[in-house]
Amino acid sequence: MVEYFDVVDGDDRVIGREPRPDVHRKGKWHRAIYVFVFNSKGELFLQERSSTKDSEPGLWTCSVSGHPSSGQGYAEAAERETREEIGVDVKPEFLISMKYEPYRHHLMVFRACHDGPFTLDPDEVKSGRFVSMDKLRKEIKKNPERFSREFLRILERVNG
């Protein structure tokens, strides 16, 4: 089944609707979400992207990332993607919005709390782990190439 995305303009207004592969291939502006899931110790759950992903396969990124389907709101997509990718029901809170030019994403970033366990979708997520923010900063400094570029940019904005 083909997934459809809303194509948006520079101000995030819907100007069309196209199949996901076409939106990515043509480099059109579209919407994306990220969810940072923290446990009760304040550690961030990271996911290692599946090796079959069409962008940045096998790299570490935040807990959940994805796109709203055509006609779907950002918050609704954050809830859906969290259920699909890591198997938990949460009500993520909005953190920030931003644009990410290389992928032509209008992004909404959310935060949620959950201690697990998680049920990882193998089509989306190869593995996952909790990490303290201090340890994450050290890992990124030592091996930035192991992390999604978009995640690094978002993390920079969130940690400001």
N, C-alpha and C. Protein backbone atom coordinates (compact mmCIF):
# COMPACT_ATOMS: atom_id res chain seq x y z
N MET A 1 0.83 -1.18 0.00
CA MET A 1 0.00 0.00 0.00
C MET A 1 0.88 1.25 0.00
N VAL A 2 0.61 2.15 -0.88
CA VAL A 2 1.39 3.38 -1.02
C VAL A 2 0.95 4.38 0.04
N GLU A 3 1.94 4.95 0.74
CA GLU A 3 1.67 5.98 1.73
C GLU A 3 1.74 7.35 1.05
N TYR A 4 0.80 8.23 1.37
CA TYR A 4 0.77 9.57 0.80
C TYR A 4 1.16 10.59 1.85
N PHE A 5 1.94 11.59 1.41
CA PHE A 5 2.33 12.72 2.25
C PHE A 5 1.70 13.98 1.72
N ASP A 6 1.48 14.94 2.62
CA ASP A 6 1.13 16.28 2.20
C ASP A 6 2.40 16.99 1.76
N VAL A 7 2.36 17.61 0.61
CA VAL A 7 3.44 18.46 0.15
C VAL A 7 3.11 19.86 0.66
N VAL A 8 4.11 20.54 1.23
CA VAL A 8 3.86 21.84 1.85
C VAL A 8 4.79 22.90 1.26
N ASP A 9 4.41 24.16 1.48
CA ASP A 9 5.26 25.26 1.03
C ASP A 9 6.21 25.67 2.15
N GLY A 10 6.94 26.75 1.96
CA GLY A 10 7.91 27.22 2.94
C GLY A 10 7.31 27.60 4.27
N ASP A 11 6.03 27.88 4.30
CA ASP A 11 5.34 28.24 5.54
C ASP A 11 4.54 27.08 6.11
N ASP A 12 4.78 25.87 5.62
CA ASP A 12 4.13 24.66 6.10
C ASP A 12 2.64 24.61 5.78
N ARG A 13 2.26 25.26 4.68
CA ARG A 13 0.87 25.18 4.21
C ARG A 13 0.77 24.09 3.15
N VAL A 14 -0.25 23.25 3.27
CA VAL A 14 -0.42 22.14 2.33
C VAL A 14 -0.73 22.69 0.93
N ILE A 15 0.07 22.23 -0.05
CA ILE A 15 -0.13 22.65 -1.44
C ILE A 15 -0.38 21.46 -2.37
N GLY A 16 -0.34 20.25 -1.81
CA GLY A 16 -0.57 19.07 -2.63
C GLY A 16 -0.46 17.80 -1.81
N ARG A 17 -0.57 16.69 -2.52
CA ARG A 17 -0.52 15.37 -1.90
C ARG A 17 0.11 14.43 -2.91
N GLU A 18 1.16 13.71 -2.47
CA GLU A 18 1.85 12.81 -3.39
C GLU A 18 2.31 11.55 -2.67
N PRO A 19 2.58 10.48 -3.42
CA PRO A 19 3.11 9.26 -2.80
C PRO A 19 4.47 9.52 -2.15
N ARG A 20 4.71 8.88 -1.02
CA ARG A 20 5.95 9.05 -0.26
C ARG A 20 7.20 8.95 -1.14
N PRO A 21 7.34 7.89 -1.97
CA PRO A 21 8.57 7.79 -2.76
C PRO A 21 8.78 8.99 -3.69
N ASP A 22 7.69 9.52 -4.26
CA ASP A 22 7.80 10.67 -5.16
C ASP A 22 8.24 11.93 -4.41
N VAL A 23 7.67 12.12 -3.23
CA VAL A 23 8.03 13.30 -2.42
C VAL A 23 9.52 13.28 -2.10
N HIS A 24 10.02 12.14 -1.67
CA HIS A 24 11.44 12.02 -1.34
C HIS A 24 12.32 12.14 -2.58
N ARG A 25 11.95 11.45 -3.64
CA ARG A 25 12.77 11.45 -4.86
C ARG A 25 12.86 12.85 -5.47
N LYS A 26 11.73 13.58 -5.46
CA LYS A 26 11.68 14.92 -6.06
C LYS A 26 12.16 16.01 -5.10
N GLY A 27 12.44 15.66 -3.85
CA GLY A 27 12.94 16.64 -2.88
C GLY A 27 11.93 17.72 -2.56
N LYS A 28 10.67 17.34 -2.39
CA LYS A 28 9.63 18.33 -2.07
C LYS A 28 9.52 18.52 -0.56
N TRP A 29 9.15 19.74 -0.16
CA TRP A 29 8.94 20.03 1.26
C TRP A 29 7.77 19.20 1.77
N HIS A 30 7.96 18.58 2.93
CA HIS A 30 6.93 17.78 3.56
C HIS A 30 7.14 17.78 5.08
N ARG A 31 6.28 17.12 5.79
CA ARG A 31 6.29 17.16 7.26
C ARG A 31 6.95 15.92 7.85
N ALA A 32 7.58 16.11 9.01
CA ALA A 32 8.21 15.01 9.73
C ALA A 32 8.07 15.24 11.24
N ILE A 33 8.17 14.16 11.98
CA ILE A 33 8.14 14.25 13.45
C ILE A 33 9.31 13.48 14.04
N TYR A 34 9.73 13.93 15.20
CA TYR A 34 10.71 13.23 16.04
C TYR A 34 10.13 13.18 17.44
N VAL A 35 10.32 12.05 18.12
CA VAL A 35 9.90 11.93 19.51
C VAL A 35 11.10 11.48 20.33
N PHE A 36 11.42 12.27 21.35
CA PHE A 36 12.46 11.93 22.31
C PHE A 36 11.77 11.25 23.49
N VAL A 37 12.04 9.96 23.71
CA VAL A 37 11.44 9.23 24.83
C VAL A 37 12.50 9.06 25.91
N PHE A 38 12.21 9.63 27.07
CA PHE A 38 13.10 9.55 28.23
C PHE A 38 12.52 8.58 29.25
N ASN A 39 13.41 7.91 29.99
CA ASN A 39 12.94 7.05 31.08
C ASN A 39 12.91 7.87 32.37
N SER A 40 12.54 7.22 33.46
CA SER A 40 12.40 7.92 34.75
C SER A 40 13.76 8.37 35.31
N LYS A 41 14.87 7.87 34.76
CA LYS A 41 16.20 8.32 35.18
C LYS A 41 16.70 9.49 34.34
N GLY A 42 15.90 9.92 33.36
CA GLY A 42 16.31 11.02 32.49
C GLY A 42 17.17 10.59 31.33
N GLU A 43 17.26 9.28 31.07
CA GLU A 43 18.04 8.77 29.94
C GLU A 43 17.17 8.76 28.69
N LEU A 44 17.81 9.02 27.56
CA LEU A 44 17.12 9.06 26.27
C LEU A 44 17.19 7.69 25.60
N PHE A 45 16.05 7.23 25.08
CA PHE A 45 16.03 6.00 24.30
C PHE A 45 16.47 6.33 22.88
N LEU A 46 17.52 5.69 22.42
CA LEU A 46 18.01 5.84 21.05
C LEU A 46 17.61 4.60 20.25
N GLN A 47 17.33 4.81 18.99
CA GLN A 47 17.11 3.67 18.12
C GLN A 47 18.19 3.64 17.04
N GLU A 48 18.59 2.43 16.70
CA GLU A 48 19.48 2.22 15.56
C GLU A 48 18.57 1.91 14.38
N ARG A 49 18.62 2.75 13.37
CA ARG A 49 17.72 2.59 12.22
C ARG A 49 17.99 1.29 11.49
N SER A 50 16.92 0.69 11.01
CA SER A 50 17.02 -0.54 10.23
C SER A 50 17.94 -0.32 9.03
N SER A 51 18.62 -1.38 8.63
CA SER A 51 19.52 -1.28 7.47
C SER A 51 18.75 -1.17 6.16
N THR A 52 17.44 -1.34 6.20
CA THR A 52 16.63 -1.24 4.98
C THR A 52 15.99 0.14 4.80
N LYS A 53 16.23 1.07 5.72
CA LYS A 53 15.64 2.41 5.62
C LYS A 53 16.17 3.13 4.38
N ASP A 54 15.33 4.00 3.78
CA ASP A 54 15.74 4.70 2.56
C ASP A 54 16.66 5.89 2.82
N SER A 55 16.74 6.34 4.07
CA SER A 55 17.70 7.40 4.40
C SER A 55 18.38 7.06 5.72
N GLU A 56 19.66 7.27 5.75
CA GLU A 56 20.51 7.06 6.92
C GLU A 56 20.31 5.68 7.59
N PRO A 57 20.33 4.60 6.79
CA PRO A 57 20.17 3.27 7.36
C PRO A 57 21.31 2.93 8.33
N GLY A 58 20.95 2.22 9.41
CA GLY A 58 21.97 1.74 10.35
C GLY A 58 22.54 2.79 11.28
N LEU A 59 22.08 4.03 11.19
CA LEU A 59 22.60 5.07 12.07
C LEU A 59 21.72 5.21 13.31
N TRP A 60 22.33 5.73 14.37
CA TRP A 60 21.59 5.98 15.61
C TRP A 60 20.84 7.30 15.49
N THR A 61 19.63 7.31 16.02
CA THR A 61 18.80 8.51 16.00
C THR A 61 17.95 8.53 17.26
N CYS A 62 17.08 9.51 17.36
CA CYS A 62 16.26 9.59 18.56
C CYS A 62 15.26 8.45 18.61
N SER A 63 14.47 8.42 19.63
CA SER A 63 13.58 7.30 19.93
C SER A 63 12.66 6.93 18.78
N VAL A 64 12.06 7.94 18.15
CA VAL A 64 11.07 7.72 17.10
C VAL A 64 11.20 8.83 16.07
N SER A 65 11.11 8.47 14.81
CA SER A 65 11.06 9.50 13.77
C SER A 65 10.14 8.99 12.66
N GLY A 66 9.51 9.92 11.98
CA GLY A 66 8.61 9.51 10.92
C GLY A 66 7.91 10.70 10.30
N HIS A 67 6.86 10.41 9.57
CA HIS A 67 6.12 11.43 8.84
C HIS A 67 4.62 11.32 9.11
N PRO A 68 3.95 12.45 9.18
CA PRO A 68 2.48 12.39 9.18
C PRO A 68 2.00 11.89 7.82
N SER A 69 1.00 11.06 7.83
CA SER A 69 0.35 10.68 6.58
C SER A 69 -0.45 11.88 6.09
N SER A 70 -0.80 11.88 4.82
CA SER A 70 -1.58 12.98 4.27
C SER A 70 -2.84 13.20 5.10
N GLY A 71 -3.07 14.45 5.51
CA GLY A 71 -4.23 14.81 6.29
C GLY A 71 -4.08 14.60 7.78
N GLN A 72 -2.97 14.04 8.21
CA GLN A 72 -2.76 13.76 9.63
C GLN A 72 -1.97 14.90 10.29
N GLY A 73 -2.32 15.25 11.51
CA GLY A 73 -1.61 16.28 12.26
C GLY A 73 -0.30 15.75 12.84
N TYR A 74 0.54 16.69 13.22
CA TYR A 74 1.85 16.32 13.78
C TYR A 74 1.71 15.49 15.06
N ALA A 75 0.89 15.95 16.01
CA ALA A 75 0.76 15.24 17.30
C ALA A 75 0.20 13.84 17.09
N GLU A 76 -0.78 13.72 16.24
CA GLU A 76 -1.37 12.42 15.94
C GLU A 76 -0.31 11.49 15.31
N ALA A 77 0.50 12.04 14.43
CA ALA A 77 1.57 11.25 13.80
C ALA A 77 2.61 10.81 14.84
N ALA A 78 2.93 11.70 15.78
CA ALA A 78 3.90 11.35 16.83
C ALA A 78 3.39 10.17 17.66
N GLU A 79 2.11 10.19 18.00
CA GLU A 79 1.52 9.07 18.74
C GLU A 79 1.55 7.78 17.91
N ARG A 80 1.13 7.87 16.64
CA ARG A 80 1.08 6.70 15.77
C ARG A 80 2.47 6.11 15.55
N GLU A 81 3.43 6.97 15.23
CA GLU A 81 4.79 6.49 14.96
C GLU A 81 5.40 5.85 16.21
N THR A 82 5.11 6.39 17.38
CA THR A 82 5.63 5.81 18.62
C THR A 82 5.06 4.41 18.84
N ARG A 83 3.78 4.26 18.57
CA ARG A 83 3.15 2.92 18.66
C ARG A 83 3.78 1.97 17.64
N GLU A 84 3.92 2.43 16.40
CA GLU A 84 4.42 1.56 15.33
C GLU A 84 5.89 1.19 15.52
N GLU A 85 6.74 2.14 15.85
CA GLU A 85 8.18 1.88 15.88
C GLU A 85 8.65 1.21 17.16
N ILE A 86 8.13 1.64 18.32
CA ILE A 86 8.64 1.07 19.58
C ILE A 86 7.54 0.43 20.44
N GLY A 87 6.32 0.42 19.95
CA GLY A 87 5.26 -0.36 20.57
C GLY A 87 4.70 0.16 21.87
N VAL A 88 4.70 1.48 22.08
CA VAL A 88 4.10 2.03 23.30
C VAL A 88 3.12 3.14 22.97
N ASP A 89 2.12 3.28 23.84
CA ASP A 89 1.14 4.36 23.71
C ASP A 89 1.51 5.47 24.68
N VAL A 90 1.81 6.63 24.14
CA VAL A 90 2.12 7.82 24.95
C VAL A 90 1.45 9.03 24.30
N LYS A 91 1.37 10.09 25.05
CA LYS A 91 0.88 11.38 24.54
C LYS A 91 2.07 12.35 24.56
N PRO A 92 2.85 12.37 23.48
CA PRO A 92 4.04 13.23 23.47
C PRO A 92 3.69 14.71 23.61
N GLU A 93 4.56 15.44 24.29
CA GLU A 93 4.42 16.90 24.44
C GLU A 93 5.29 17.59 23.40
N PHE A 94 4.78 18.66 22.84
CA PHE A 94 5.52 19.44 21.84
C PHE A 94 6.74 20.10 22.48
N LEU A 95 7.88 20.04 21.79
CA LEU A 95 9.11 20.71 22.23
C LEU A 95 9.46 21.90 21.34
N ILE A 96 9.75 21.62 20.08
CA ILE A 96 10.17 22.66 19.15
C ILE A 96 9.69 22.34 17.73
N SER A 97 9.69 23.36 16.89
CA SER A 97 9.50 23.15 15.46
C SER A 97 10.70 23.75 14.75
N MET A 98 11.02 23.21 13.61
CA MET A 98 12.17 23.70 12.85
C MET A 98 12.08 23.17 11.43
N LYS A 99 12.93 23.70 10.57
CA LYS A 99 13.06 23.17 9.21
C LYS A 99 14.41 22.46 9.13
N TYR A 100 14.45 21.40 8.34
CA TYR A 100 15.70 20.72 8.06
C TYR A 100 15.84 20.66 6.54
N GLU A 101 16.65 21.55 6.01
CA GLU A 101 16.78 21.77 4.57
C GLU A 101 17.22 20.53 3.78
N PRO A 102 18.25 19.79 4.23
CA PRO A 102 18.69 18.68 3.37
C PRO A 102 17.58 17.69 3.00
N TYR A 103 16.65 17.42 3.91
CA TYR A 103 15.56 16.50 3.61
C TYR A 103 14.25 17.21 3.30
N ARG A 104 14.29 18.55 3.33
CA ARG A 104 13.10 19.36 3.05
C ARG A 104 11.96 19.01 4.01
N HIS A 105 12.33 18.94 5.29
CA HIS A 105 11.37 18.62 6.34
C HIS A 105 10.94 19.86 7.11
N HIS A 106 9.66 20.00 7.32
CA HIS A 106 9.11 20.85 8.37
C HIS A 106 8.94 19.90 9.54
N LEU A 107 9.70 20.12 10.61
CA LEU A 107 9.76 19.18 11.72
C LEU A 107 9.03 19.69 12.95
N MET A 108 8.36 18.79 13.62
CA MET A 108 7.87 19.04 14.97
C MET A 108 8.53 17.99 15.84
N VAL A 109 9.13 18.45 16.91
CA VAL A 109 9.84 17.57 17.83
C VAL A 109 9.04 17.50 19.13
N PHE A 110 8.87 16.27 19.63
CA PHE A 110 8.08 16.01 20.82
C PHE A 110 8.93 15.28 21.86
N ARG A 111 8.39 15.24 23.07
CA ARG A 111 9.03 14.56 24.20
C ARG A 111 7.98 13.70 24.88
N ALA A 112 8.41 12.52 25.36
CA ALA A 112 7.54 11.63 26.12
C ALA A 112 8.37 10.89 27.16
N CYS A 113 7.70 10.32 28.13
CA CYS A 113 8.38 9.52 29.16
C CYS A 113 7.82 8.10 29.15
N HIS A 114 8.71 7.13 29.19
CA HIS A 114 8.32 5.73 29.26
C HIS A 114 9.56 4.91 29.62
N ASP A 115 9.40 3.97 30.53
CA ASP A 115 10.53 3.13 30.95
C ASP A 115 10.64 1.83 30.17
N GLY A 116 9.72 1.61 29.21
CA GLY A 116 9.74 0.35 28.48
C GLY A 116 8.96 -0.68 29.27
N PRO A 117 8.98 -1.93 28.83
CA PRO A 117 9.73 -2.42 27.68
C PRO A 117 9.12 -1.94 26.37
N PHE A 118 9.94 -2.02 25.33
CA PHE A 118 9.53 -1.61 24.00
C PHE A 118 9.45 -2.82 23.09
N THR A 119 8.56 -2.76 22.13
CA THR A 119 8.45 -3.77 21.09
C THR A 119 8.88 -3.10 19.79
N LEU A 120 10.08 -3.39 19.35
CA LEU A 120 10.67 -2.71 18.20
C LEU A 120 10.19 -3.33 16.89
N ASP A 121 9.77 -2.49 15.95
CA ASP A 121 9.37 -2.94 14.62
C ASP A 121 10.65 -3.19 13.82
N PRO A 122 10.95 -4.44 13.46
CA PRO A 122 12.20 -4.75 12.77
C PRO A 122 12.35 -4.09 11.40
N ASP A 123 11.23 -3.69 10.78
CA ASP A 123 11.33 -2.99 9.51
C ASP A 123 11.83 -1.55 9.70
N GLU A 124 11.67 -1.03 10.90
CA GLU A 124 12.03 0.36 11.19
C GLU A 124 13.28 0.47 12.06
N VAL A 125 13.39 -0.43 13.05
CA VAL A 125 14.39 -0.29 14.11
C VAL A 125 15.20 -1.58 14.24
N LYS A 126 16.53 -1.44 14.13
CA LYS A 126 17.42 -2.59 14.27
C LYS A 126 17.62 -2.93 15.75
N SER A 127 17.83 -1.91 16.57
CA SER A 127 18.02 -2.11 18.01
C SER A 127 17.77 -0.78 18.72
N GLY A 128 17.79 -0.83 20.04
CA GLY A 128 17.58 0.39 20.81
C GLY A 128 18.22 0.29 22.17
N ARG A 129 18.43 1.44 22.79
CA ARG A 129 19.06 1.47 24.13
C ARG A 129 18.82 2.83 24.77
N PHE A 130 18.83 2.83 26.09
CA PHE A 130 18.79 4.08 26.83
C PHE A 130 20.22 4.55 27.06
N VAL A 131 20.40 5.86 27.04
CA VAL A 131 21.72 6.45 27.27
C VAL A 131 21.55 7.78 28.01
N SER A 132 22.46 8.06 28.91
CA SER A 132 22.43 9.37 29.59
C SER A 132 22.85 10.44 28.59
N MET A 133 22.40 11.64 28.81
CA MET A 133 22.74 12.73 27.90
C MET A 133 24.25 12.99 27.91
N ASP A 134 24.89 12.83 29.07
CA ASP A 134 26.33 13.03 29.16
C ASP A 134 27.07 11.99 28.31
N LYS A 135 26.66 10.74 28.43
CA LYS A 135 27.30 9.68 27.64
C LYS A 135 27.02 9.88 26.15
N LEU A 136 25.81 10.31 25.81
CA LEU A 136 25.47 10.56 24.41
C LEU A 136 26.37 11.65 23.82
N ARG A 137 26.56 12.75 24.55
CA ARG A 137 27.44 13.82 24.05
C ARG A 137 28.86 13.30 23.80
N LYS A 138 29.35 12.45 24.70
CA LYS A 138 30.70 11.87 24.52
C LYS A 138 30.76 10.97 23.29
N GLU A 139 29.72 10.16 23.11
CA GLU A 139 29.69 9.27 21.94
C GLU A 139 29.64 10.07 20.64
N ILE A 140 28.85 11.13 20.64
CA ILE A 140 28.74 11.96 19.43
C ILE A 140 30.07 12.64 19.13
N LYS A 141 30.72 13.13 20.16
CA LYS A 141 32.02 13.80 19.96
C LYS A 141 33.05 12.82 19.39
N LYS A 142 33.03 11.57 19.88
CA LYS A 142 34.00 10.57 19.45
C LYS A 142 33.67 10.00 18.06
N ASN A 143 32.40 9.75 17.78
CA ASN A 143 31.99 9.11 16.52
C ASN A 143 30.74 9.75 15.94
N PRO A 144 30.79 11.00 15.50
CA PRO A 144 29.58 11.65 14.99
C PRO A 144 28.99 10.96 13.76
N GLU A 145 29.80 10.25 13.00
CA GLU A 145 29.33 9.59 11.79
C GLU A 145 28.40 8.42 12.08
N ARG A 146 28.31 7.98 13.32
CA ARG A 146 27.42 6.88 13.70
C ARG A 146 25.99 7.35 13.97
N PHE A 147 25.76 8.69 13.86
CA PHE A 147 24.46 9.26 14.19
C PHE A 147 23.85 9.96 12.99
N SER A 148 22.54 9.92 12.93
CA SER A 148 21.80 10.61 11.88
C SER A 148 22.11 12.11 11.92
N ARG A 149 22.39 12.69 10.76
CA ARG A 149 22.68 14.13 10.69
C ARG A 149 21.50 14.96 11.16
N GLU A 150 20.30 14.53 10.79
CA GLU A 150 19.11 15.27 11.19
C GLU A 150 18.95 15.22 12.72
N PHE A 151 19.18 14.06 13.32
CA PHE A 151 19.12 13.92 14.77
C PHE A 151 20.13 14.85 15.44
N LEU A 152 21.34 14.90 14.92
CA LEU A 152 22.37 15.77 15.51
C LEU A 152 21.94 17.23 15.46
N ARG A 153 21.34 17.64 14.37
CA ARG A 153 20.88 19.03 14.24
C ARG A 153 19.74 19.31 15.21
N ILE A 154 18.81 18.37 15.34
CA ILE A 154 17.69 18.55 16.27
C ILE A 154 18.21 18.59 17.71
N LEU A 155 19.11 17.70 18.04
CA LEU A 155 19.67 17.65 19.39
C LEU A 155 20.36 18.96 19.75
N GLU A 156 21.07 19.52 18.77
CA GLU A 156 21.72 20.81 18.96
C GLU A 156 20.69 21.90 19.31
N ARG A 157 19.57 21.89 18.61
CA ARG A 157 18.50 22.87 18.87
C ARG A 157 17.82 22.63 20.21
N VAL A 158 17.55 21.35 20.54
CA VAL A 158 16.87 21.02 21.79
C VAL A 158 17.75 21.37 22.99
N ASN A 159 19.04 21.09 22.89
CA ASN A 159 19.97 21.36 23.99
C ASN A 159 20.48 22.79 24.00
N GLY A 160 20.16 23.52 22.95
CA GLY A 160 20.43 24.87 22.73
C GLY A 160 21.49 25.65 23.24
